[in-house]
Amino acid sequence: MGADVYFRVYDAVLSVTNIQDLNYSTRVICQTSLQKHIAKKNLGDIENDRQTIVNSLQVLADVENDHH
């Protein structure tokens, strides 16, 4: 199973001055968040709850962006 991740930089200056490698950092945050959600479920639940997982990751991303 693969995943596509799209992200938007809300503050280019902060992303350049506060993050050493934006692509790497974004991948790590996404992988960690996805693993946290998937670890709680079996494969059938993951398929059935795919949209719920996507929505919860979107909320997490929005919260992270609001804090920076």
PDB file of N, CA and C in Angstrom:
ATOM      1  N   MET A   1       0.848  -1.166   0.000  1.00  0.00           N
ATOM      2  CA  MET A   1       0.000   0.000   0.000  1.00  0.00           C
ATOM      3  C   MET A   1       0.897   1.232   0.000  1.00  0.00           C
ATOM      4  N   GLY A   2       0.586   2.187  -0.826  1.00  0.00           N
ATOM      5  CA  GLY A   2       1.354   3.421  -0.904  1.00  0.00           C
ATOM      6  C   GLY A   2       0.504   4.596  -0.474  1.00  0.00           C
ATOM      7  N   ALA A   3       1.136   5.713  -0.359  1.00  0.00           N
ATOM      8  CA  ALA A   3       0.405   6.921   0.022  1.00  0.00           C
ATOM      9  C   ALA A   3       1.025   8.117  -0.690  1.00  0.00           C
ATOM     10  N   ASP A   4       0.173   9.028  -1.094  1.00  0.00           N
ATOM     11  CA  ASP A   4       0.629  10.291  -1.653  1.00  0.00           C
ATOM     12  C   ASP A   4       0.401  11.365  -0.607  1.00  0.00           C
ATOM     13  N   VAL A   5       1.356  12.250  -0.495  1.00  0.00           N
ATOM     14  CA  VAL A   5       1.242  13.334   0.484  1.00  0.00           C
ATOM     15  C   VAL A   5       1.422  14.648  -0.250  1.00  0.00           C
ATOM     16  N   TYR A   6       0.489  15.536  -0.028  1.00  0.00           N
ATOM     17  CA  TYR A   6       0.564  16.884  -0.576  1.00  0.00           C
ATOM     18  C   TYR A   6       0.640  17.834   0.607  1.00  0.00           C
ATOM     19  N   PHE A   7       1.533  18.792   0.532  1.00  0.00           N
ATOM     20  CA  PHE A   7       1.626  19.743   1.626  1.00  0.00           C
ATOM     21  C   PHE A   7       1.758  21.148   1.077  1.00  0.00           C
ATOM     22  N   ARG A   8       1.355  22.091   1.891  1.00  0.00           N
ATOM     23  CA  ARG A   8       1.399  23.494   1.510  1.00  0.00           C
ATOM     24  C   ARG A   8       2.236  24.237   2.546  1.00  0.00           C
ATOM     25  N   VAL A   9       3.142  25.043   2.088  1.00  0.00           N
ATOM     26  CA  VAL A   9       3.950  25.872   2.973  1.00  0.00           C
ATOM     27  C   VAL A   9       3.198  27.182   3.177  1.00  0.00           C
ATOM     28  N   TYR A  10       2.834  27.449   4.424  1.00  0.00           N
ATOM     29  CA  TYR A  10       2.083  28.656   4.736  1.00  0.00           C
ATOM     30  C   TYR A  10       2.983  29.864   4.984  1.00  0.00           C
ATOM     31  N   ASP A  11       4.185  29.596   5.448  1.00  0.00           N
ATOM     32  CA  ASP A  11       5.116  30.693   5.714  1.00  0.00           C
ATOM     33  C   ASP A  11       6.482  30.291   5.173  1.00  0.00           C
ATOM     34  N   ALA A  12       6.788  30.753   3.979  1.00  0.00           N
ATOM     35  CA  ALA A  12       8.029  30.359   3.310  1.00  0.00           C
ATOM     36  C   ALA A  12       9.265  30.767   4.093  1.00  0.00           C
ATOM     37  N   VAL A  13       9.229  31.941   4.715  1.00  0.00           N
ATOM     38  CA  VAL A  13      10.394  32.409   5.473  1.00  0.00           C
ATOM     39  C   VAL A  13      10.673  31.473   6.647  1.00  0.00           C
ATOM     40  N   LEU A  14       9.623  31.117   7.407  1.00  0.00           N
ATOM     41  CA  LEU A  14       9.826  30.204   8.536  1.00  0.00           C
ATOM     42  C   LEU A  14      10.275  28.823   8.074  1.00  0.00           C
ATOM     43  N   SER A  15       9.740  28.368   6.951  1.00  0.00           N
ATOM     44  CA  SER A  15      10.131  27.035   6.476  1.00  0.00           C
ATOM     45  C   SER A  15      11.595  26.996   6.054  1.00  0.00           C
ATOM     46  N   VAL A  16      12.124  28.113   5.582  1.00  0.00           N
ATOM     47  CA  VAL A  16      13.529  28.170   5.176  1.00  0.00           C
ATOM     48  C   VAL A  16      14.439  28.406   6.378  1.00  0.00           C
ATOM     49  N   THR A  17      14.014  29.244   7.309  1.00  0.00           N
ATOM     50  CA  THR A  17      14.887  29.600   8.431  1.00  0.00           C
ATOM     51  C   THR A  17      14.816  28.617   9.595  1.00  0.00           C
ATOM     52  N   ASN A  18      13.696  27.879   9.735  1.00  0.00           N
ATOM     53  CA  ASN A  18      13.531  27.003  10.899  1.00  0.00           C
ATOM     54  C   ASN A  18      13.618  25.517  10.590  1.00  0.00           C
ATOM     55  N   ILE A  19      13.616  25.148   9.320  1.00  0.00           N
ATOM     56  CA  ILE A  19      13.636  23.735   8.949  1.00  0.00           C
ATOM     57  C   ILE A  19      14.812  23.504   8.015  1.00  0.00           C
ATOM     58  N   GLN A  20      15.667  22.579   8.426  1.00  0.00           N
ATOM     59  CA  GLN A  20      16.876  22.331   7.644  1.00  0.00           C
ATOM     60  C   GLN A  20      16.561  21.662   6.301  1.00  0.00           C
ATOM     61  N   ASP A  21      15.660  20.670   6.301  1.00  0.00           N
ATOM     62  CA  ASP A  21      15.299  19.951   5.079  1.00  0.00           C
ATOM     63  C   ASP A  21      13.790  19.718   5.103  1.00  0.00           C
ATOM     64  N   LEU A  22      13.044  20.579   4.440  1.00  0.00           N
ATOM     65  CA  LEU A  22      11.581  20.549   4.481  1.00  0.00           C
ATOM     66  C   LEU A  22      11.019  19.235   3.950  1.00  0.00           C
ATOM     67  N   ASN A  23      11.524  18.744   2.834  1.00  0.00           N
ATOM     68  CA  ASN A  23      11.005  17.495   2.267  1.00  0.00           C
ATOM     69  C   ASN A  23      11.211  16.324   3.219  1.00  0.00           C
ATOM     70  N   TYR A  24      12.391  16.204   3.758  1.00  0.00           N
ATOM     71  CA  TYR A  24      12.685  15.119   4.690  1.00  0.00           C
ATOM     72  C   TYR A  24      11.817  15.236   5.944  1.00  0.00           C
ATOM     73  N   SER A  25      11.737  16.430   6.501  1.00  0.00           N
ATOM     74  CA  SER A  25      10.948  16.643   7.715  1.00  0.00           C
ATOM     75  C   SER A  25       9.482  16.314   7.485  1.00  0.00           C
ATOM     76  N   THR A  26       8.960  16.703   6.352  1.00  0.00           N
ATOM     77  CA  THR A  26       7.565  16.420   6.024  1.00  0.00           C
ATOM     78  C   THR A  26       7.338  14.923   5.889  1.00  0.00           C
ATOM     79  N   ARG A  27       8.253  14.232   5.228  1.00  0.00           N
ATOM     80  CA  ARG A  27       8.136  12.772   5.091  1.00  0.00           C
ATOM     81  C   ARG A  27       8.149  12.083   6.443  1.00  0.00           C
ATOM     82  N   VAL A  28       9.048  12.497   7.324  1.00  0.00           N
ATOM     83  CA  VAL A  28       9.153  11.867   8.638  1.00  0.00           C
ATOM     84  C   VAL A  28       7.877  12.088   9.449  1.00  0.00           C
ATOM     85  N   ILE A  29       7.358  13.305   9.445  1.00  0.00           N
ATOM     86  CA  ILE A  29       6.124  13.601  10.184  1.00  0.00           C
ATOM     87  C   ILE A  29       4.965  12.777   9.624  1.00  0.00           C
ATOM     88  N   CYS A  30       4.863  12.696   8.313  1.00  0.00           N
ATOM     89  CA  CYS A  30       3.780  11.933   7.690  1.00  0.00           C
ATOM     90  C   CYS A  30       3.901  10.441   7.994  1.00  0.00           C
ATOM     91  N   GLN A  31       5.094   9.901   7.877  1.00  0.00           N
ATOM     92  CA  GLN A  31       5.295   8.484   8.149  1.00  0.00           C
ATOM     93  C   GLN A  31       4.972   8.151   9.597  1.00  0.00           C
ATOM     94  N   THR A  32       5.442   8.972  10.510  1.00  0.00           N
ATOM     95  CA  THR A  32       5.200   8.734  11.924  1.00  0.00           C
ATOM     96  C   THR A  32       3.715   8.800  12.246  1.00  0.00           C
ATOM     97  N   SER A  33       3.037   9.809  11.713  1.00  0.00           N
ATOM     98  CA  SER A  33       1.606   9.962  11.965  1.00  0.00           C
ATOM     99  C   SER A  33       0.819   8.806  11.372  1.00  0.00           C
ATOM    100  N   LEU A  34       1.152   8.409  10.145  1.00  0.00           N
ATOM    101  CA  LEU A  34       0.456   7.311   9.501  1.00  0.00           C
ATOM    102  C   LEU A  34       0.701   5.999  10.241  1.00  0.00           C
ATOM    103  N   GLN A  35       1.926   5.753  10.656  1.00  0.00           N
ATOM    104  CA  GLN A  35       2.236   4.530  11.399  1.00  0.00           C
ATOM    105  C   GLN A  35       1.473   4.480  12.715  1.00  0.00           C
ATOM    106  N   LYS A  36       1.335   5.615  13.363  1.00  0.00           N
ATOM    107  CA  LYS A  36       0.607   5.677  14.632  1.00  0.00           C
ATOM    108  C   LYS A  36      -0.847   5.265  14.436  1.00  0.00           C
ATOM    109  N   HIS A  37      -1.469   5.741  13.359  1.00  0.00           N
ATOM    110  CA  HIS A  37      -2.862   5.396  13.093  1.00  0.00           C
ATOM    111  C   HIS A  37      -3.014   3.952  12.632  1.00  0.00           C
ATOM    112  N   ILE A  38      -2.110   3.496  11.785  1.00  0.00           N
ATOM    113  CA  ILE A  38      -2.215   2.151  11.224  1.00  0.00           C
ATOM    114  C   ILE A  38      -1.902   1.083  12.265  1.00  0.00           C
ATOM    115  N   ALA A  39      -1.011   1.361  13.189  1.00  0.00           N
ATOM    116  CA  ALA A  39      -0.621   0.373  14.194  1.00  0.00           C
ATOM    117  C   ALA A  39      -1.803  -0.068  15.056  1.00  0.00           C
ATOM    118  N   LYS A  40      -2.828   0.749  15.131  1.00  0.00           N
ATOM    119  CA  LYS A  40      -3.997   0.438  15.962  1.00  0.00           C
ATOM    120  C   LYS A  40      -5.021  -0.424  15.227  1.00  0.00           C
ATOM    121  N   LYS A  41      -4.825  -0.715  13.955  1.00  0.00           N
ATOM    122  CA  LYS A  41      -5.854  -1.363  13.141  1.00  0.00           C
ATOM    123  C   LYS A  41      -5.321  -2.593  12.418  1.00  0.00           C
ATOM    124  N   ASN A  42      -6.238  -3.487  12.060  1.00  0.00           N
ATOM    125  CA  ASN A  42      -5.852  -4.595  11.197  1.00  0.00           C
ATOM    126  C   ASN A  42      -6.083  -4.184   9.746  1.00  0.00           C
ATOM    127  N   LEU A  43      -5.634  -4.986   8.788  1.00  0.00           N
ATOM    128  CA  LEU A  43      -5.666  -4.608   7.377  1.00  0.00           C
ATOM    129  C   LEU A  43      -7.082  -4.318   6.876  1.00  0.00           C
ATOM    130  N   GLY A  44      -8.056  -5.122   7.288  1.00  0.00           N
ATOM    131  CA  GLY A  44      -9.437  -4.899   6.877  1.00  0.00           C
ATOM    132  C   GLY A  44      -9.972  -3.566   7.385  1.00  0.00           C
ATOM    133  N   ASP A  45      -9.639  -3.243   8.628  1.00  0.00           N
ATOM    134  CA  ASP A  45     -10.074  -1.968   9.195  1.00  0.00           C
ATOM    135  C   ASP A  45      -9.428  -0.796   8.467  1.00  0.00           C
ATOM    136  N   ILE A  46      -8.181  -0.964   8.085  1.00  0.00           N
ATOM    137  CA  ILE A  46      -7.471   0.108   7.374  1.00  0.00           C
ATOM    138  C   ILE A  46      -8.164   0.402   6.051  1.00  0.00           C
ATOM    139  N   GLU A  47      -8.497  -0.647   5.310  1.00  0.00           N
ATOM    140  CA  GLU A  47      -9.190  -0.453   4.037  1.00  0.00           C
ATOM    141  C   GLU A  47     -10.553   0.194   4.250  1.00  0.00           C
ATOM    142  N   ASN A  48     -11.293  -0.269   5.244  1.00  0.00           N
ATOM    143  CA  ASN A  48     -12.631   0.262   5.504  1.00  0.00           C
ATOM    144  C   ASN A  48     -12.597   1.684   6.036  1.00  0.00           C
ATOM    145  N   ASP A  49     -11.556   2.015   6.790  1.00  0.00           N
ATOM    146  CA  ASP A  49     -11.475   3.319   7.450  1.00  0.00           C
ATOM    147  C   ASP A  49     -10.508   4.269   6.752  1.00  0.00           C
ATOM    148  N   ARG A  50     -10.184   3.998   5.513  1.00  0.00           N
ATOM    149  CA  ARG A  50      -9.187   4.803   4.809  1.00  0.00           C
ATOM    150  C   ARG A  50      -9.525   6.297   4.826  1.00  0.00           C
ATOM    151  N   GLN A  51     -10.767   6.650   4.529  1.00  0.00           N
ATOM    152  CA  GLN A  51     -11.132   8.068   4.493  1.00  0.00           C
ATOM    153  C   GLN A  51     -11.070   8.691   5.886  1.00  0.00           C
ATOM    154  N   THR A  52     -11.438   7.946   6.918  1.00  0.00           N
ATOM    155  CA  THR A  52     -11.344   8.450   8.282  1.00  0.00           C
ATOM    156  C   THR A  52      -9.888   8.728   8.652  1.00  0.00           C
ATOM    157  N   ILE A  53      -9.002   7.841   8.256  1.00  0.00           N
ATOM    158  CA  ILE A  53      -7.572   8.025   8.521  1.00  0.00           C
ATOM    159  C   ILE A  53      -7.069   9.270   7.797  1.00  0.00           C
ATOM    160  N   VAL A  54      -7.452   9.418   6.533  1.00  0.00           N
ATOM    161  CA  VAL A  54      -7.037  10.588   5.755  1.00  0.00           C
ATOM    162  C   VAL A  54      -7.525  11.866   6.434  1.00  0.00           C
ATOM    163  N   ASN A  55      -8.783  11.867   6.857  1.00  0.00           N
ATOM    164  CA  ASN A  55      -9.341  13.056   7.512  1.00  0.00           C
ATOM    165  C   ASN A  55      -8.622  13.374   8.818  1.00  0.00           C
ATOM    166  N   SER A  56      -8.297  12.360   9.613  1.00  0.00           N
ATOM    167  CA  SER A  56      -7.623  12.619  10.885  1.00  0.00           C
ATOM    168  C   SER A  56      -6.198  13.121  10.666  1.00  0.00           C
ATOM    169  N   LEU A  57      -5.526  12.634   9.616  1.00  0.00           N
ATOM    170  CA  LEU A  57      -4.190  13.138   9.299  1.00  0.00           C
ATOM    171  C   LEU A  57      -4.261  14.575   8.802  1.00  0.00           C
ATOM    172  N   GLN A  58      -5.330  14.902   8.060  1.00  0.00           N
ATOM    173  CA  GLN A  58      -5.497  16.281   7.590  1.00  0.00           C
ATOM    174  C   GLN A  58      -5.686  17.213   8.775  1.00  0.00           C
ATOM    175  N   VAL A  59      -6.490  16.796   9.745  1.00  0.00           N
ATOM    176  CA  VAL A  59      -6.699  17.611  10.952  1.00  0.00           C
ATOM    177  C   VAL A  59      -5.380  17.787  11.680  1.00  0.00           C
ATOM    178  N   LEU A  60      -4.592  16.711  11.792  1.00  0.00           N
ATOM    179  CA  LEU A  60      -3.286  16.796  12.450  1.00  0.00           C
ATOM    180  C   LEU A  60      -2.391  17.788  11.725  1.00  0.00           C
ATOM    181  N   ALA A  61      -2.372  17.733  10.412  1.00  0.00           N
ATOM    182  CA  ALA A  61      -1.547  18.655   9.633  1.00  0.00           C
ATOM    183  C   ALA A  61      -2.009  20.092   9.824  1.00  0.00           C
ATOM    184  N   ASP A  62      -3.318  20.304   9.853  1.00  0.00           N
ATOM    185  CA  ASP A  62      -3.839  21.660  10.054  1.00  0.00           C
ATOM    186  C   ASP A  62      -3.465  22.196  11.436  1.00  0.00           C
ATOM    187  N   VAL A  63      -3.524  21.345  12.444  1.00  0.00           N
ATOM    188  CA  VAL A  63      -3.157  21.752  13.798  1.00  0.00           C
ATOM    189  C   VAL A  63      -1.684  22.100  13.861  1.00  0.00           C
ATOM    190  N   GLU A  64      -0.839  21.262  13.239  1.00  0.00           N
ATOM    191  CA  GLU A  64       0.605  21.535  13.224  1.00  0.00           C
ATOM    192  C   GLU A  64       0.885  22.866  12.544  1.00  0.00           C
ATOM    193  N   ASN A  65       0.203  23.157  11.459  1.00  0.00           N
ATOM    194  CA  ASN A  65       0.416  24.421  10.750  1.00  0.00           C
ATOM    195  C   ASN A  65      -0.033  25.615  11.574  1.00  0.00           C
ATOM    196  N   ASP A  66      -1.097  25.441  12.344  1.00  0.00           N
ATOM    197  CA  ASP A  66      -1.583  26.546  13.174  1.00  0.00           C
ATOM    198  C   ASP A  66      -0.622  26.881  14.308  1.00  0.00           C
ATOM    199  N   HIS A  67       0.141  25.895  14.765  1.00  0.00           N
ATOM    200  CA  HIS A  67       1.085  26.114  15.874  1.00  0.00           C
ATOM    201  C   HIS A  67       2.385  26.747  15.434  1.00  0.00           C
ATOM    202  N   HIS A  68       2.633  26.774  14.147  1.00  0.00           N
ATOM    203  CA  HIS A  68       3.908  27.339  13.658  1.00  0.00           C
ATOM    204  C   HIS A  68       3.656  28.648  13.074  1.00  0.00           C
TER     205      HIS A  68
END
